[in-house]
C-alpha atoms as a PDB file:
ATOM      1  CA  MET A   1       0.000   0.000   0.000  1.00  0.00           C
ATOM      2  CA  ILE A   2       1.504   3.344  -1.084  1.00  0.00           C
ATOM      3  CA  ILE A   3       0.660   6.495   0.870  1.00  0.00           C
ATOM      4  CA  PRO A   4       2.427   9.703  -0.270  1.00  0.00           C
ATOM      5  CA  ILE A   5       4.385  11.484   2.456  1.00  0.00           C
ATOM      6  CA  GLN A   6       2.090  14.536   2.242  1.00  0.00           C
ATOM      7  CA  ASN A   7      -0.941  12.367   2.934  1.00  0.00           C
ATOM      8  CA  ILE A   8       0.769  10.772   5.936  1.00  0.00           C
ATOM      9  CA  TYR A   9       1.094  14.331   7.206  1.00  0.00           C
ATOM     10  CA  TYR A  10      -2.658  14.874   6.835  1.00  0.00           C
ATOM     11  CA  LEU A  11      -3.497  11.516   8.418  1.00  0.00           C
ATOM     12  CA  LEU A  12      -1.386  12.264  11.486  1.00  0.00           C
ATOM     13  CA  SER A  13      -2.600  15.867  11.768  1.00  0.00           C
ATOM     14  CA  TYR A  14      -6.242  14.771  11.917  1.00  0.00           C
ATOM     15  CA  ALA A  15      -5.563  11.691  14.046  1.00  0.00           C
ATOM     16  CA  TRP A  16      -3.795  13.847  16.658  1.00  0.00           C
ATOM     17  CA  ASN A  17      -6.445  16.604  16.740  1.00  0.00           C
ATOM     18  CA  LYS A  18      -4.147  19.113  15.096  1.00  0.00           C
ATOM     19  CA  ALA A  19      -5.715  19.450  11.664  1.00  0.00           C
ATOM     20  CA  GLU A  20      -5.063  23.199  11.631  1.00  0.00           C
ATOM     21  CA  ILE A  21      -1.314  22.654  11.186  1.00  0.00           C
ATOM     22  CA  SER A  22      -1.985  21.089   7.783  1.00  0.00           C
ATOM     23  CA  LEU A  23      -3.343  24.488   6.745  1.00  0.00           C
ATOM     24  CA  GLU A  24      -0.603  26.485   8.472  1.00  0.00           C
ATOM     25  CA  SER A  25       2.299  24.430   7.055  1.00  0.00           C
ATOM     26  CA  PRO A  26       1.323  22.941   3.670  1.00  0.00           C
ATOM     27  CA  VAL A  27       4.996  22.542   2.695  1.00  0.00           C
ATOM     28  CA  VAL A  28       5.683  19.926   5.362  1.00  0.00           C
ATOM     29  CA  GLY A  29       6.368  16.721   3.519  1.00  0.00           C
ATOM     30  CA  GLN A  30       8.157  18.418   0.639  1.00  0.00           C
ATOM     31  CA  GLU A  31      11.124  19.073   2.916  1.00  0.00           C
ATOM     32  CA  ALA A  32      10.875  15.571   4.326  1.00  0.00           C
ATOM     33  CA  GLY A  33      11.170  13.885   0.959  1.00  0.00           C
ATOM     34  CA  GLU A  34      10.236  10.233   1.364  1.00  0.00           C
ATOM     35  CA  ASN A  35      11.872   9.863   4.785  1.00  0.00           C
ATOM     36  CA  VAL A  36       9.161   9.541   7.425  1.00  0.00           C
ATOM     37  CA  VAL A  37      11.470  10.469  10.303  1.00  0.00           C
ATOM     38  CA  ASN A  38      12.024  13.883   8.681  1.00  0.00           C
ATOM     39  CA  LEU A  39       8.267  14.304   8.386  1.00  0.00           C
ATOM     40  CA  LEU A  40       7.759  13.553  12.086  1.00  0.00           C
ATOM     41  CA  ALA A  41      10.608  15.894  13.019  1.00  0.00           C
ATOM     42  CA  SER A  42       9.047  18.620  10.833  1.00  0.00           C
ATOM     43  CA  MET A  43       5.817  18.191  12.794  1.00  0.00           C
ATOM     44  CA  LEU A  44       7.384  17.945  16.254  1.00  0.00           C
ATOM     45  CA  LEU A  45       9.955  20.751  16.157  1.00  0.00           C
ATOM     46  CA  PRO A  46       7.651  23.756  15.456  1.00  0.00           C
ATOM     47  CA  GLU A  47       5.319  22.659  18.258  1.00  0.00           C
ATOM     48  CA  THR A  48       8.305  22.222  20.599  1.00  0.00           C
ATOM     49  CA  ARG A  49       9.519  25.736  19.754  1.00  0.00           C
ATOM     50  CA  LYS A  50       6.076  27.087  20.544  1.00  0.00           C
ATOM     51  CA  LEU A  51       5.937  25.139  23.811  1.00  0.00           C
ATOM     52  CA  ILE A  52       9.323  26.442  24.998  1.00  0.00           C
ATOM     53  CA  LYS A  53       8.403  30.012  24.031  1.00  0.00           C
ATOM     54  CA  GLN A  54       5.161  29.812  26.039  1.00  0.00           C
ATOM     55  CA  GLY A  55       6.922  28.091  28.939  1.00  0.00           C
ATOM     56  CA  LEU A  56       7.384  24.439  29.846  1.00  0.00           C
ATOM     57  CA  ALA A  57       4.971  22.820  32.251  1.00  0.00           C
ATOM     58  CA  ALA A  58       6.440  22.676  35.741  1.00  0.00           C
ATOM     59  CA  GLU A  59       5.561  21.145  39.069  1.00  0.00           C
ATOM     60  CA  TYR A  60       6.774  21.511  42.630  1.00  0.00           C
ATOM     61  CA  ILE A  61       9.403  18.825  43.169  1.00  0.00           C
ATOM     62  CA  THR A  62      11.005  17.923  46.479  1.00  0.00           C
ATOM     63  CA  GLN A  63      14.791  18.147  46.239  1.00  0.00           C
ATOM     64  CA  THR A  64      17.578  17.668  48.748  1.00  0.00           C
ATOM     65  CA  ARG A  65      20.003  20.595  48.582  1.00  0.00           C
ATOM     66  CA  GLN A  66      22.940  22.107  50.418  1.00  0.00           C
ATOM     67  CA  ILE A  67      22.085  25.739  51.150  1.00  0.00           C
ATOM     68  CA  ASN A  68      23.114  28.681  53.306  1.00  0.00           C
ATOM     69  CA  GLY A  69      20.788  28.948  56.258  1.00  0.00           C
ATOM     70  CA  ILE A  70      17.671  26.822  56.573  1.00  0.00           C
ATOM     71  CA  LYS A  71      14.888  26.387  54.076  1.00  0.00           C
ATOM     72  CA  GLY A  72      12.150  23.782  53.932  1.00  0.00           C
ATOM     73  CA  LYS A  73      12.743  20.669  56.057  1.00  0.00           C
ATOM     74  CA  LEU A  74      16.092  20.557  57.833  1.00  0.00           C
ATOM     75  CA  LEU A  75      17.854  17.169  57.687  1.00  0.00           C
ATOM     76  CA  LEU A  76      19.699  17.176  61.018  1.00  0.00           C
ATOM     77  CA  ASN A  77      21.949  14.141  60.618  1.00  0.00           C
ATOM     78  CA  GLU A  78      23.072  15.122  57.123  1.00  0.00           C
ATOM     79  CA  THR A  79      23.646  18.724  58.225  1.00  0.00           C
ATOM     80  CA  PHE A  80      25.682  17.589  61.252  1.00  0.00           C
ATOM     81  CA  ARG A  81      27.924  15.419  59.032  1.00  0.00           C
ATOM     82  CA  LEU A  82      28.326  18.284  56.559  1.00  0.00           C
ATOM     83  CA  ASN A  83      29.426  20.737  59.235  1.00  0.00           C
ATOM     84  CA  GLN A  84      31.996  18.305  60.529  1.00  0.00           C
ATOM     85  CA  LYS A  85      33.691  18.435  57.125  1.00  0.00           C
ATOM     86  CA  ALA A  86      32.929  21.934  55.908  1.00  0.00           C
ATOM     87  CA  LYS A  87      32.225  25.442  57.061  1.00  0.00           C
ATOM     88  CA  SER A  88      29.387  25.986  59.453  1.00  0.00           C
ATOM     89  CA  GLY A  89      26.344  27.951  58.371  1.00  0.00           C
ATOM     90  CA  GLN A  90      25.338  25.537  55.622  1.00  0.00           C
ATOM     91  CA  ALA A  91      22.559  23.001  55.940  1.00  0.00           C
ATOM     92  CA  ILE A  92      21.125  20.042  54.085  1.00  0.00           C
ATOM     93  CA  CYS A  93      17.435  20.650  53.555  1.00  0.00           C
ATOM     94  CA  MET A  94      14.527  19.153  51.665  1.00  0.00           C
ATOM     95  CA  VAL A  95      12.911  21.962  49.691  1.00  0.00           C
ATOM     96  CA  GLU A  96      10.029  22.133  47.234  1.00  0.00           C
ATOM     97  CA  GLU A  97      10.905  24.037  44.084  1.00  0.00           C
ATOM     98  CA  LEU A  98       8.972  24.690  40.908  1.00  0.00           C
ATOM     99  CA  SER A  99      10.828  22.710  38.241  1.00  0.00           C
ATOM    100  CA  PRO A 100      10.312  21.768  34.578  1.00  0.00           C
ATOM    101  CA  ASN A 101      12.121  18.482  35.255  1.00  0.00           C
ATOM    102  CA  ILE A 102       8.930  16.400  34.998  1.00  0.00           C
ATOM    103  CA  LEU A 103       8.170  13.268  33.002  1.00  0.00           C
ATOM    104  CA  PRO A 104       6.500  14.839  29.897  1.00  0.00           C
ATOM    105  CA  ASN A 105       9.462  17.205  29.444  1.00  0.00           C
ATOM    106  CA  GLN A 106      11.934  14.368  30.079  1.00  0.00           C
ATOM    107  CA  ILE A 107      10.247  12.296  27.370  1.00  0.00           C
ATOM    108  CA  LEU A 108      10.385  15.232  24.963  1.00  0.00           C
ATOM    109  CA  LYS A 109      14.073  15.891  25.642  1.00  0.00           C
ATOM    110  CA  THR A 110      15.007  12.191  25.404  1.00  0.00           C
ATOM    111  CA  THR A 111      13.107  11.862  22.108  1.00  0.00           C
ATOM    112  CA  LEU A 112      14.879  14.928  20.685  1.00  0.00           C
ATOM    113  CA  LEU A 113      18.254  13.576  21.784  1.00  0.00           C
ATOM    114  CA  GLN A 114      17.588  10.258  20.043  1.00  0.00           C
ATOM    115  CA  LEU A 115      16.211  12.061  17.002  1.00  0.00           C
ATOM    116  CA  GLN A 116      19.469  14.030  16.813  1.00  0.00           C
ATOM    117  CA  HIS A 117      21.353  10.748  16.423  1.00  0.00           C
ATOM    118  CA  THR A 118      18.914   9.103  13.990  1.00  0.00           C
ATOM    119  CA  VAL A 119      20.189   8.053  10.583  1.00  0.00           C
ATOM    120  CA  GLY A 120      18.563  10.008   7.755  1.00  0.00           C
ATOM    121  CA  LEU A 121      17.629  13.173   9.654  1.00  0.00           C
ATOM    122  CA  VAL A 122      18.443  16.082   7.330  1.00  0.00           C
ATOM    123  CA  PRO A 123      21.090  18.608   8.510  1.00  0.00           C
ATOM    124  CA  ASN A 124      18.779  21.617   8.960  1.00  0.00           C
ATOM    125  CA  LEU A 125      16.416  19.597  11.184  1.00  0.00           C
ATOM    126  CA  LYS A 126      19.365  18.184  13.132  1.00  0.00           C
ATOM    127  CA  LYS A 127      20.626  21.722  13.745  1.00  0.00           C
ATOM    128  CA  GLU A 128      17.203  22.794  14.997  1.00  0.00           C
ATOM    129  CA  VAL A 129      17.105  19.808  17.351  1.00  0.00           C
ATOM    130  CA  GLU A 130      20.459  20.919  18.822  1.00  0.00           C
ATOM    131  CA  VAL A 131      19.083  24.414  19.494  1.00  0.00           C
ATOM    132  CA  LEU A 132      15.980  23.050  21.213  1.00  0.00           C
ATOM    133  CA  LEU A 133      18.034  20.653  23.328  1.00  0.00           C
ATOM    134  CA  SER A 134      20.102  23.573  24.611  1.00  0.00           C
ATOM    135  CA  GLN A 135      16.872  25.272  25.701  1.00  0.00           C
ATOM    136  CA  LEU A 136      15.853  22.140  27.623  1.00  0.00           C
ATOM    137  CA  ALA A 137      19.020  22.137  29.751  1.00  0.00           C
ATOM    138  CA  PRO A 138      17.205  22.046  33.144  1.00  0.00           C
ATOM    139  CA  VAL A 139      15.406  18.838  32.109  1.00  0.00           C
ATOM    140  CA  GLN A 140      16.983  15.426  32.635  1.00  0.00           C
ATOM    141  CA  THR A 141      16.959  12.656  30.026  1.00  0.00           C
ATOM    142  CA  LEU A 142      15.735   9.096  30.445  1.00  0.00           C
ATOM    143  CA  ALA A 143      17.314   5.766  29.532  1.00  0.00           C
ATOM    144  CA  PHE A 144      16.698   4.698  25.933  1.00  0.00           C
ATOM    145  CA  ASN A 145      14.577   1.704  26.943  1.00  0.00           C
ATOM    146  CA  PHE A 146      12.199   3.627  29.202  1.00  0.00           C
ATOM    147  CA  GLN A 147       8.575   2.580  28.937  1.00  0.00           C
ATOM    148  CA  ILE A 148       6.602   5.405  27.380  1.00  0.00           C
ATOM    149  CA  LEU A 149       3.044   5.737  28.622  1.00  0.00           C
ATOM    150  CA  LYS A 150       0.119   6.226  26.257  1.00  0.00           C
ATOM    151  CA  LYS A 151      -1.701   8.224  28.954  1.00  0.00           C
ATOM    152  CA  MET A 152       0.920  10.660  30.101  1.00  0.00           C
ATOM    153  CA  PRO A 153       0.593  12.281  33.554  1.00  0.00           C
ATOM    154  CA  VAL A 154       0.447  15.857  32.244  1.00  0.00           C
ATOM    155  CA  PRO A 155      -1.106  18.570  34.444  1.00  0.00           C
ATOM    156  CA  ARG A 156      -4.712  18.910  33.314  1.00  0.00           C
ATOM    157  CA  HIS A 157      -4.392  22.566  32.323  1.00  0.00           C
ATOM    158  CA  GLN A 158      -1.363  21.660  30.159  1.00  0.00           C
ATOM    159  CA  GLN A 159      -2.845  18.650  28.341  1.00  0.00           C
ATOM    160  CA  GLU A 160      -3.907  20.530  25.223  1.00  0.00           C
ATOM    161  CA  ARG A 161      -0.416  22.018  24.777  1.00  0.00           C
ATOM    162  CA  TYR A 162       1.348  18.693  25.245  1.00  0.00           C
ATOM    163  CA  GLN A 163      -0.912  16.109  23.603  1.00  0.00           C
ATOM    164  CA  PHE A 164       0.257  16.580  20.029  1.00  0.00           C
ATOM    165  CA  ILE A 165       3.923  16.710  21.087  1.00  0.00           C
ATOM    166  CA  LEU A 166       3.624  13.534  23.142  1.00  0.00           C
ATOM    167  CA  ASN A 167       1.809  11.765  20.286  1.00  0.00           C
ATOM    168  CA  CYS A 168       4.787  12.611  18.038  1.00  0.00           C
ATOM    169  CA  CYS A 169       7.210  11.390  20.693  1.00  0.00           C
ATOM    170  CA  ILE A 170       5.294   8.132  21.167  1.00  0.00           C
ATOM    171  CA  LEU A 171       5.301   7.367  17.432  1.00  0.00           C
ATOM    172  CA  ILE A 172       8.990   8.218  17.088  1.00  0.00           C
ATOM    173  CA  ARG A 173       9.868   6.171  20.161  1.00  0.00           C
ATOM    174  CA  GLU A 174       7.888   3.137  19.018  1.00  0.00           C
ATOM    175  CA  ASN A 175       9.828   3.025  15.758  1.00  0.00           C
ATOM    176  CA  LEU A 176      13.402   3.802  16.809  1.00  0.00           C
ATOM    177  CA  LEU A 177      15.878   0.963  16.681  1.00  0.00           C
ATOM    178  CA  PRO A 178      19.291   1.312  18.402  1.00  0.00           C
ATOM    179  CA  VAL A 179      22.391   0.654  16.350  1.00  0.00           C
ATOM    180  CA  SER A 180      26.101   0.865  17.213  1.00  0.00           C
ATOM    181  CA  ASP A 181      25.670   0.424  20.977  1.00  0.00           C
ATOM    182  CA  GLU A 182      22.760   2.880  21.207  1.00  0.00           C
ATOM    183  CA  GLN A 183      24.949   5.775  20.023  1.00  0.00           C
ATOM    184  CA  GLU A 184      22.924   5.960  16.813  1.00  0.00           C
ATOM    185  CA  PHE A 185      19.356   5.086  15.874  1.00  0.00           C
ATOM    186  CA  ALA A 186      17.538   3.883  12.790  1.00  0.00           C
ATOM    187  CA  PHE A 187      13.892   4.702  12.150  1.00  0.00           C
ATOM    188  CA  LYS A 188      11.587   1.830  11.238  1.00  0.00           C
ATOM    189  CA  SER A 189       8.715   3.211   9.194  1.00  0.00           C
ATOM    190  CA  PHE A 190       5.386   2.622  10.922  1.00  0.00           C
ATOM    191  CA  LEU A 191       3.607   2.417   7.532  1.00  0.00           C
ATOM    192  CA  SER A 192       4.251  -1.315   7.368  1.00  0.00           C
ATOM    193  CA  ASP A 193       3.028  -1.877  10.928  1.00  0.00           C
ATOM    194  CA  LYS A 194      -0.656  -2.801  10.606  1.00  0.00           C
ATOM    195  CA  LYS A 195      -1.329  -2.346  14.308  1.00  0.00           C
ATOM    196  CA  GLN A 196       0.047   1.200  14.436  1.00  0.00           C
ATOM    197  CA  MET A 197      -1.580   2.202  11.163  1.00  0.00           C
ATOM    198  CA  ALA A 198      -4.949   0.785  12.261  1.00  0.00           C
ATOM    199  CA  VAL A 199      -4.946   3.133  15.266  1.00  0.00           C
ATOM    200  CA  ILE A 200      -3.932   6.116  13.114  1.00  0.00           C
ATOM    201  CA  PHE A 201      -6.466   5.317  10.377  1.00  0.00           C
ATOM    202  CA  GLU A 202      -9.322   4.991  12.869  1.00  0.00           C
ATOM    203  CA  ALA A 203      -8.488   8.255  14.660  1.00  0.00           C
ATOM    204  CA  PHE A 204      -7.988  10.032  11.330  1.00  0.00           C
ATOM    205  CA  VAL A 205     -11.429   9.077   9.994  1.00  0.00           C
ATOM    206  CA  ARG A 206     -13.186   9.859  13.277  1.00  0.00           C
ATOM    207  CA  ASN A 207     -11.586  13.297  13.672  1.00  0.00           C
ATOM    208  CA  PHE A 208     -11.997  14.095   9.983  1.00  0.00           C
ATOM    209  CA  TYR A 209     -15.766  13.636  10.255  1.00  0.00           C
ATOM    210  CA  ARG A 210     -15.834  15.505  13.554  1.00  0.00           C
ATOM    211  CA  LEU A 211     -14.179  18.534  11.935  1.00  0.00           C
ATOM    212  CA  GLU A 212     -15.226  18.509   8.295  1.00  0.00           C
ATOM    213  CA  GLN A 213     -19.006  18.057   8.412  1.00  0.00           C
ATOM    214  CA  SER A 214     -21.844  19.447  10.529  1.00  0.00           C
ATOM    215  CA  VAL A 215     -24.743  17.067   9.812  1.00  0.00           C
ATOM    216  CA  PHE A 216     -23.715  14.306  12.230  1.00  0.00           C
ATOM    217  CA  GLN A 217     -22.517  14.218  15.805  1.00  0.00           C
ATOM    218  CA  VAL A 218     -19.371  12.068  15.930  1.00  0.00           C
ATOM    219  CA  ARG A 219     -18.119   9.870  18.761  1.00  0.00           C
ATOM    220  CA  SER A 220     -16.845   6.468  19.748  1.00  0.00           C
ATOM    221  CA  GLU A 221     -19.735   4.642  21.407  1.00  0.00           C
ATOM    222  CA  LYS A 222     -19.993   1.848  23.944  1.00  0.00           C
ATOM    223  CA  ILE A 223     -22.823  -0.520  23.021  1.00  0.00           C
ATOM    224  CA  ASN A 224     -24.475  -2.699  25.633  1.00  0.00           C
ATOM    225  CA  TRP A 225     -25.577  -6.230  24.819  1.00  0.00           C
ATOM    226  CA  LEU A 226     -29.288  -6.816  24.348  1.00  0.00           C
ATOM    227  CA  GLY A 227     -29.889  -9.336  27.098  1.00  0.00           C
ATOM    228  CA  GLN A 228     -28.320 -10.198  30.402  1.00  0.00           C
ATOM    229  CA  GLY A 229     -26.176 -12.889  31.946  1.00  0.00           C
ATOM    230  CA  THR A 230     -27.876 -15.290  34.355  1.00  0.00           C
ATOM    231  CA  THR A 231     -25.420 -14.135  37.024  1.00  0.00           C
ATOM    232  CA  GLU A 232     -23.340 -10.992  37.601  1.00  0.00           C
ATOM    233  CA  GLU A 233     -20.192 -13.054  37.034  1.00  0.00           C
ATOM    234  CA  ALA A 234     -21.494 -14.272  33.677  1.00  0.00           C
ATOM    235  CA  GLN A 235     -22.314 -10.683  32.682  1.00  0.00           C
ATOM    236  CA  ASP A 236     -18.756  -9.574  33.447  1.00  0.00           C
ATOM    237  CA  PHE A 237     -17.376 -12.097  30.930  1.00  0.00           C
ATOM    238  CA  LEU A 238     -19.198 -10.492  27.977  1.00  0.00           C
ATOM    239  CA  PRO A 239     -16.756  -8.585  25.733  1.00  0.00           C
ATOM    240  CA  VAL A 240     -17.042  -4.809  25.524  1.00  0.00           C
ATOM    241  CA  MET A 241     -18.473  -3.434  22.283  1.00  0.00           C
ATOM    242  CA  LEU A 242     -16.898  -0.085  21.411  1.00  0.00           C
ATOM    243  CA  THR A 243     -17.457   1.396  17.987  1.00  0.00           C
ATOM    244  CA  ASP A 244     -14.652   3.022  16.047  1.00  0.00           C
ATOM    245  CA  ILE A 245     -16.976   5.771  14.867  1.00  0.00           C
ATOM    246  CA  SER A 246     -20.659   6.458  15.473  1.00  0.00           C
ATOM    247  CA  LEU A 247     -22.259   9.274  13.469  1.00  0.00           C
ATOM    248  CA  GLU A 248     -25.703  10.408  14.480  1.00  0.00           C
ATOM    249  CA  SER A 249     -28.257  12.866  13.116  1.00  0.00           C
ATOM    250  CA  ALA A 250     -31.984  13.123  13.594  1.00  0.00           C
ATOM    251  CA  ALA A 251     -32.603  10.912  10.558  1.00  0.00           C
ATOM    252  CA  ARG A 252     -29.635   8.518  10.518  1.00  0.00           C
ATOM    253  CA  LYS A 253     -27.168   6.693  12.730  1.00  0.00           C
ATOM    254  CA  ILE A 254     -24.107   5.272  10.971  1.00  0.00           C
ATOM    255  CA  ILE A 255     -21.682   2.919  12.688  1.00  0.00           C
ATOM    256  CA  ILE A 256     -18.331   2.855  10.873  1.00  0.00           C
ATOM    257  CA  ASP A 257     -15.745   0.169  11.561  1.00  0.00           C
ATOM    258  CA  THR A 258     -12.357   1.067  10.055  1.00  0.00           C
ATOM    259  CA  LYS A 259     -10.021  -1.729   8.977  1.00  0.00           C
ATOM    260  CA  PHE A 260      -6.451  -1.049   7.889  1.00  0.00           C
ATOM    261  CA  TYR A 261      -5.905  -4.258   5.951  1.00  0.00           C
ATOM    262  CA  GLY A 262      -3.799  -5.084   2.945  1.00  0.00           C
ATOM    263  CA  LYS A 263      -6.868  -6.545   1.251  1.00  0.00           C
ATOM    264  CA  ALA A 264     -10.546  -5.835   1.752  1.00  0.00           C
ATOM    265  CA  LEU A 265     -11.378  -9.175   0.089  1.00  0.00           C
ATOM    266  CA  LEU A 266     -10.076 -12.683   0.716  1.00  0.00           C
ATOM    267  CA  PRO A 267      -9.613 -15.400  -1.904  1.00  0.00           C
ATOM    268  CA  HIS A 268     -12.218 -18.160  -1.744  1.00  0.00           C
ATOM    269  CA  TYR A 269     -11.696 -20.904  -4.335  1.00  0.00           C
ATOM    270  CA  GLN A 270     -12.007 -19.066  -7.665  1.00  0.00           C
ATOM    271  CA  ASN A 271     -13.766 -16.053  -6.171  1.00  0.00           C
ATOM    272  CA  GLU A 272     -13.206 -13.337  -3.581  1.00  0.00           C
ATOM    273  CA  LYS A 273     -15.225 -12.870  -0.413  1.00  0.00           C
ATOM    274  CA  LEU A 274     -15.533 -10.279   2.331  1.00  0.00           C
ATOM    275  CA  HIS A 275     -13.760 -10.787   5.663  1.00  0.00           C
ATOM    276  CA  SER A 276     -16.409 -12.702   7.552  1.00  0.00           C
ATOM    277  CA  LYS A 277     -15.095 -11.661  10.990  1.00  0.00           C
ATOM    278  CA  HIS A 278     -15.323  -7.986  10.043  1.00  0.00           C
ATOM    279  CA  LEU A 279     -18.868  -8.353   8.783  1.00  0.00           C
ATOM    280  CA  TYR A 280     -19.951 -10.372  11.843  1.00  0.00           C
ATOM    281  CA  GLN A 281     -18.505  -7.732  14.154  1.00  0.00           C
ATOM    282  CA  LEU A 282     -20.301  -4.881  12.389  1.00  0.00           C
ATOM    283  CA  PHE A 283     -23.549  -6.836  12.289  1.00  0.00           C
ATOM    284  CA  THR A 284     -23.295  -7.487  16.045  1.00  0.00           C
ATOM    285  CA  TYR A 285     -22.908  -3.756  16.656  1.00  0.00           C
ATOM    286  CA  LEU A 286     -25.953  -3.018  14.529  1.00  0.00           C
ATOM    287  CA  HIS A 287     -28.040  -5.741  16.175  1.00  0.00           C
ATOM    288  CA  ASN A 288     -27.336  -4.438  19.688  1.00  0.00           C
ATOM    289  CA  SER A 289     -27.138  -0.699  19.016  1.00  0.00           C
ATOM    290  CA  PRO A 290     -30.020   1.389  20.337  1.00  0.00           C
ATOM    291  CA  VAL A 291     -31.798   3.850  18.061  1.00  0.00           C
ATOM    292  CA  ASN A 292     -32.155   7.030  20.094  1.00  0.00           C
ATOM    293  CA  LEU A 293     -34.692   8.890  17.980  1.00  0.00           C
ATOM    294  CA  LYS A 294     -37.989   7.889  16.398  1.00  0.00           C
ATOM    295  CA  ASP A 295     -37.731   6.972  12.705  1.00  0.00           C
ATOM    296  CA  GLN A 296     -33.922   7.123  12.862  1.00  0.00           C
ATOM    297  CA  ALA A 297     -32.372   4.771  10.277  1.00  0.00           C
ATOM    298  CA  LEU A 298     -29.531   2.569  11.548  1.00  0.00           C
ATOM    299  CA  GLU A 299     -26.718   1.844   9.072  1.00  0.00           C
ATOM    300  CA  GLY A 300     -23.289   0.245   9.132  1.00  0.00           C
ATOM    301  CA  MET A 301     -20.094   0.644   7.101  1.00  0.00           C
ATOM    302  CA  LEU A 302     -16.798  -1.217   6.859  1.00  0.00           C
ATOM    303  CA  LEU A 303     -14.138   1.186   5.613  1.00  0.00           C
ATOM    304  CA  TYR A 304     -10.802  -0.001   4.185  1.00  0.00           C
ATOM    305  CA  PRO A 305      -7.966   1.812   2.407  1.00  0.00           C
ATOM    306  CA  VAL A 306      -7.775   0.992  -1.294  1.00  0.00           C
ATOM    307  CA  VAL A 307      -5.030  -1.485  -2.130  1.00  0.00           C
ATOM    308  CA  ASN A 308      -5.819  -3.175  -5.434  1.00  0.00           C
ATOM    309  CA  LYS A 309      -9.577  -2.799  -5.797  1.00  0.00           C
ATOM    310  CA  VAL A 310     -12.077   0.018  -5.211  1.00  0.00           C
ATOM    311  CA  LEU A 311     -15.192  -1.182  -3.383  1.00  0.00           C
ATOM    312  CA  ASN A 312     -18.580   0.397  -2.804  1.00  0.00           C
ATOM    313  CA  LEU A 313     -20.848  -2.523  -1.990  1.00  0.00           C
ATOM    314  CA  GLU A 314     -24.286  -2.128  -0.440  1.00  0.00           C
ATOM    315  CA  TYR A 315     -26.528  -4.696   1.264  1.00  0.00           C
ATOM    316  CA  THR A 316     -29.688  -4.837   3.312  1.00  0.00           C
ATOM    317  CA  LEU A 317     -29.118  -7.233   6.214  1.00  0.00           C
ATOM    318  CA  SER A 318     -31.970  -7.797   8.662  1.00  0.00           C
ATOM    319  CA  GLY A 319     -33.526  -4.563   7.464  1.00  0.00           C
ATOM    320  CA  LYS A 320     -30.388  -2.475   7.970  1.00  0.00           C
ATOM    321  CA  LYS A 321     -28.239  -0.849   5.298  1.00  0.00           C
ATOM    322  CA  VAL A 322     -24.656  -2.141   5.300  1.00  0.00           C
ATOM    323  CA  ARG A 323     -21.904  -0.819   3.046  1.00  0.00           C
ATOM    324  CA  ILE A 324     -18.381  -2.052   2.329  1.00  0.00           C
ATOM    325  CA  CYS A 325     -16.283   0.882   1.113  1.00  0.00           C
ATOM    326  CA  THR A 326     -12.686   1.807   0.360  1.00  0.00           C
ATOM    327  CA  ILE A 327     -10.854   5.124   0.408  1.00  0.00           C
ATOM    328  CA  ASN A 328      -7.880   5.761  -1.858  1.00  0.00           C
ATOM    329  CA  LEU A 329      -5.061   7.252   0.257  1.00  0.00           C
ATOM    330  CA  ASN A 330      -2.753   7.383  -2.777  1.00  0.00           C
ATOM    331  CA  GLN A 331      -4.323  10.444  -4.378  1.00  0.00           C
ATOM    332  CA  PRO A 332      -4.073  14.211  -3.830  1.00  0.00           C
ATOM    333  CA  TRP A 333      -5.537  15.322  -0.497  1.00  0.00           C
ATOM    334  CA  PRO A 334      -8.556  17.191  -1.999  1.00  0.00           C
ATOM    335  CA  GLY A 335      -9.682  13.880  -3.540  1.00  0.00           C
ATOM    336  CA  ILE A 336      -9.434  12.059  -0.195  1.00  0.00           C
ATOM    337  CA  LYS A 337     -11.435  14.804   1.487  1.00  0.00           C
ATOM    338  CA  GLN A 338     -14.148  14.752  -1.180  1.00  0.00           C
ATOM    339  CA  ASP A 339     -14.389  10.951  -1.192  1.00  0.00           C
ATOM    340  CA  LEU A 340     -14.699  10.725   2.620  1.00  0.00           C
ATOM    341  CA  LEU A 341     -17.481  13.304   2.675  1.00  0.00           C
ATOM    342  CA  GLN A 342     -19.239  11.596  -0.238  1.00  0.00           C
ATOM    343  CA  LEU A 343     -19.400   8.346   1.762  1.00  0.00           C
ATOM    344  CA  LEU A 344     -21.959   9.934   4.089  1.00  0.00           C
ATOM    345  CA  PHE A 345     -24.473  10.642   1.336  1.00  0.00           C
END
């Protein structure tokens, strides 16, 4: 499956709730060439500059320090030992100080440091990374193999400023491979990783519809099973049904299940057939989904990227409209936008 670098930029911008940057910086992708790590750096660095200019998030951190006089909590034993060896008048105290040396900033700095030593990063981006690293001097770095968290403990009032940056860091981190004793890194393109691309594709489609149309309300929806277990324990064993995308208007409710698969059809003897598991899953959602408004039509859609065949199949299953559709990600962005909007009508 071929996705032009510029379209990867759009996919990530929408998936990470930052679609406005695709309008602010339409040249991103041209500078990157076909190297995805340059694309990610081109997305991360401007937002990092903006973050540093506005001020890094900081928290009060307890630190043990040697100071003149007394401040905070005096550590008597440590102070006594110090004054046996040094001049009197100094004390060892535990003090709380506002510091930017917190986990989100440490992850950002560590990611930039590894990006600086990544094979294929173009010189102008590498130089910009060096400048930003110098501005993050008060922040410590982490070991290369630290476990990055998908839900980062960012102060609530700072989450909007940090979410896009941390999403970039997570994707970069998940695809960096150490070479030459971890002094240099190679970037493994996530485009061939079905699991990573499935998450991006789903978030891209959901946020695209949330931003680019006004007919439907858009969300991910938890659907409860019609029926009940004979015991509470039995009920707990039922799997959770969570839609990728639910679009709802007064007249229609559309449940979209996105599938980032190499093929939307499977060979079956001399013919091709739909993925039965995908169809069963969508049908289960439709069977159990409540209709919230009178006369509201309930519909379902399986949405795949185009690989070797364009599909727009329509069925009526148990009285409900079901469509199997593809979207061509290997075309200019205006075509992708038009085709996605056309799917709703």
